[in-house]
Amino acid sequence: MDVLYFAWVRERIGLPRETVETDAGTVAGLVDELRAREDRYAAAFADISALRVAVDQELSDFDASLDGVREVAFFPPMTGG
């Protein structure tokens, strides 16, 4: 699946996107796998309460299933106005 990173998440990881093979069943499981990769991922995902996630371009929760998912995007909360 494609994993996209935006704003400071991208800056900490150093990539805008990557293709990831995962055995995770949920977004939270994917985050755990990413954190375990290297320090830069651990830093980016240290506080997931400061992150939002979209699954196949729809806002979602970290307990969302990854079954059949093609894209997951991580980004900080946005304000409008």
C-alpha atoms as a PDB file:
ATOM      1  CA  MET A   1       0.000   0.000   0.000  1.00  0.00           C
ATOM      2  CA  ASP A   2       1.041   3.590  -0.468  1.00  0.00           C
ATOM      3  CA  VAL A   3       1.731   5.572   2.701  1.00  0.00           C
ATOM      4  CA  LEU A   4       1.778   9.363   2.412  1.00  0.00           C
ATOM      5  CA  TYR A   5       3.264  11.804   4.909  1.00  0.00           C
ATOM      6  CA  PHE A   6       2.401  15.497   5.121  1.00  0.00           C
ATOM      7  CA  ALA A   7       3.784  18.584   6.896  1.00  0.00           C
ATOM      8  CA  TRP A   8       6.025  17.868   9.905  1.00  0.00           C
ATOM      9  CA  VAL A   9       5.422  14.111   9.591  1.00  0.00           C
ATOM     10  CA  ARG A  10       7.093  14.229   6.163  1.00  0.00           C
ATOM     11  CA  GLU A  11       9.880  16.407   7.548  1.00  0.00           C
ATOM     12  CA  ARG A  12      10.678  13.990  10.375  1.00  0.00           C
ATOM     13  CA  ILE A  13      10.574  10.885   8.184  1.00  0.00           C
ATOM     14  CA  GLY A  14      12.268  12.545   5.223  1.00  0.00           C
ATOM     15  CA  LEU A  15       9.890  11.123   2.594  1.00  0.00           C
ATOM     16  CA  PRO A  16       6.641  12.382   1.088  1.00  0.00           C
ATOM     17  CA  ARG A  17       5.431   8.842   0.327  1.00  0.00           C
ATOM     18  CA  GLU A  18       6.496   5.231   0.163  1.00  0.00           C
ATOM     19  CA  THR A  19       5.119   1.832  -0.701  1.00  0.00           C
ATOM     20  CA  VAL A  20       4.854  -0.374   2.367  1.00  0.00           C
ATOM     21  CA  GLU A  21       4.201  -4.079   2.738  1.00  0.00           C
ATOM     22  CA  THR A  22       2.456  -4.725   6.028  1.00  0.00           C
ATOM     23  CA  ASP A  23       0.921  -7.531   8.020  1.00  0.00           C
ATOM     24  CA  ALA A  24      -0.975  -5.018  10.164  1.00  0.00           C
ATOM     25  CA  GLY A  25      -4.719  -5.332  10.355  1.00  0.00           C
ATOM     26  CA  THR A  26      -5.373  -1.752  11.446  1.00  0.00           C
ATOM     27  CA  VAL A  27      -3.865   1.691  11.040  1.00  0.00           C
ATOM     28  CA  ALA A  28      -2.607   1.475  14.632  1.00  0.00           C
ATOM     29  CA  GLY A  29      -0.822  -1.762  13.767  1.00  0.00           C
ATOM     30  CA  LEU A  30       0.763  -0.079  10.758  1.00  0.00           C
ATOM     31  CA  VAL A  31       1.952   2.764  12.990  1.00  0.00           C
ATOM     32  CA  ASP A  32       3.525   0.229  15.354  1.00  0.00           C
ATOM     33  CA  GLU A  33       5.364  -1.386  12.432  1.00  0.00           C
ATOM     34  CA  LEU A  34       6.564   1.988  11.151  1.00  0.00           C
ATOM     35  CA  ARG A  35       7.731   3.097  14.618  1.00  0.00           C
ATOM     36  CA  ALA A  36       9.857  -0.042  14.883  1.00  0.00           C
ATOM     37  CA  ARG A  37      11.690   0.696  11.606  1.00  0.00           C
ATOM     38  CA  GLU A  38      14.026   3.472  12.741  1.00  0.00           C
ATOM     39  CA  ASP A  39      14.305   6.490  15.008  1.00  0.00           C
ATOM     40  CA  ARG A  40      12.929   8.929  12.444  1.00  0.00           C
ATOM     41  CA  TYR A  41       9.667   6.966  12.257  1.00  0.00           C
ATOM     42  CA  ALA A  42       9.556   6.624  16.036  1.00  0.00           C
ATOM     43  CA  ALA A  43       9.897  10.418  16.303  1.00  0.00           C
ATOM     44  CA  ALA A  44       7.181  11.068  13.726  1.00  0.00           C
ATOM     45  CA  PHE A  45       4.726   8.709  15.418  1.00  0.00           C
ATOM     46  CA  ALA A  46       5.695   9.376  19.049  1.00  0.00           C
ATOM     47  CA  ASP A  47       2.351  11.046  19.815  1.00  0.00           C
ATOM     48  CA  ILE A  48      -0.420   9.833  17.532  1.00  0.00           C
ATOM     49  CA  SER A  49      -2.903  12.071  19.339  1.00  0.00           C
ATOM     50  CA  ALA A  50      -1.183  14.872  17.396  1.00  0.00           C
ATOM     51  CA  LEU A  51      -1.919  13.136  14.073  1.00  0.00           C
ATOM     52  CA  ARG A  52      -4.853  12.551  11.784  1.00  0.00           C
ATOM     53  CA  VAL A  53      -5.165   9.727   9.297  1.00  0.00           C
ATOM     54  CA  ALA A  54      -6.981   9.243   6.013  1.00  0.00           C
ATOM     55  CA  VAL A  55      -7.620   5.796   4.576  1.00  0.00           C
ATOM     56  CA  ASP A  56      -8.187   5.765   0.820  1.00  0.00           C
ATOM     57  CA  GLN A  57      -8.677   9.554   1.009  1.00  0.00           C
ATOM     58  CA  GLU A  58     -11.340   9.485   3.729  1.00  0.00           C
ATOM     59  CA  LEU A  59     -10.718  10.708   7.277  1.00  0.00           C
ATOM     60  CA  SER A  60     -10.533   7.739   9.568  1.00  0.00           C
ATOM     61  CA  ASP A  61      -9.520   6.499  13.006  1.00  0.00           C
ATOM     62  CA  PHE A  62      -6.416   4.616  14.013  1.00  0.00           C
ATOM     63  CA  ASP A  63      -8.525   1.509  14.679  1.00  0.00           C
ATOM     64  CA  ALA A  64      -9.661   1.416  11.025  1.00  0.00           C
ATOM     65  CA  SER A  65      -9.136  -1.842   9.168  1.00  0.00           C
ATOM     66  CA  LEU A  66      -6.509  -2.020   6.443  1.00  0.00           C
ATOM     67  CA  ASP A  67      -8.317  -4.808   4.601  1.00  0.00           C
ATOM     68  CA  GLY A  68      -8.284  -3.872   0.920  1.00  0.00           C
ATOM     69  CA  VAL A  69      -6.820  -0.422   1.586  1.00  0.00           C
ATOM     70  CA  ARG A  70      -4.599   1.072  -1.124  1.00  0.00           C
ATOM     71  CA  GLU A  71      -3.517   4.319   0.565  1.00  0.00           C
ATOM     72  CA  VAL A  72      -2.978   5.640   4.081  1.00  0.00           C
ATOM     73  CA  ALA A  73      -2.044   9.277   4.712  1.00  0.00           C
ATOM     74  CA  PHE A  74      -0.760  10.812   7.936  1.00  0.00           C
ATOM     75  CA  PHE A  75      -0.937  14.539   8.657  1.00  0.00           C
ATOM     76  CA  PRO A  76      -1.285  16.979  11.553  1.00  0.00           C
ATOM     77  CA  PRO A  77      -4.707  18.433  12.383  1.00  0.00           C
ATOM     78  CA  MET A  78      -5.640  21.347  10.195  1.00  0.00           C
ATOM     79  CA  THR A  79      -7.518  24.466  11.071  1.00  0.00           C
ATOM     80  CA  GLY A  80      -9.719  26.317   8.672  1.00  0.00           C
ATOM     81  CA  GLY A  81     -10.752  29.837   8.335  1.00  0.00           C
END
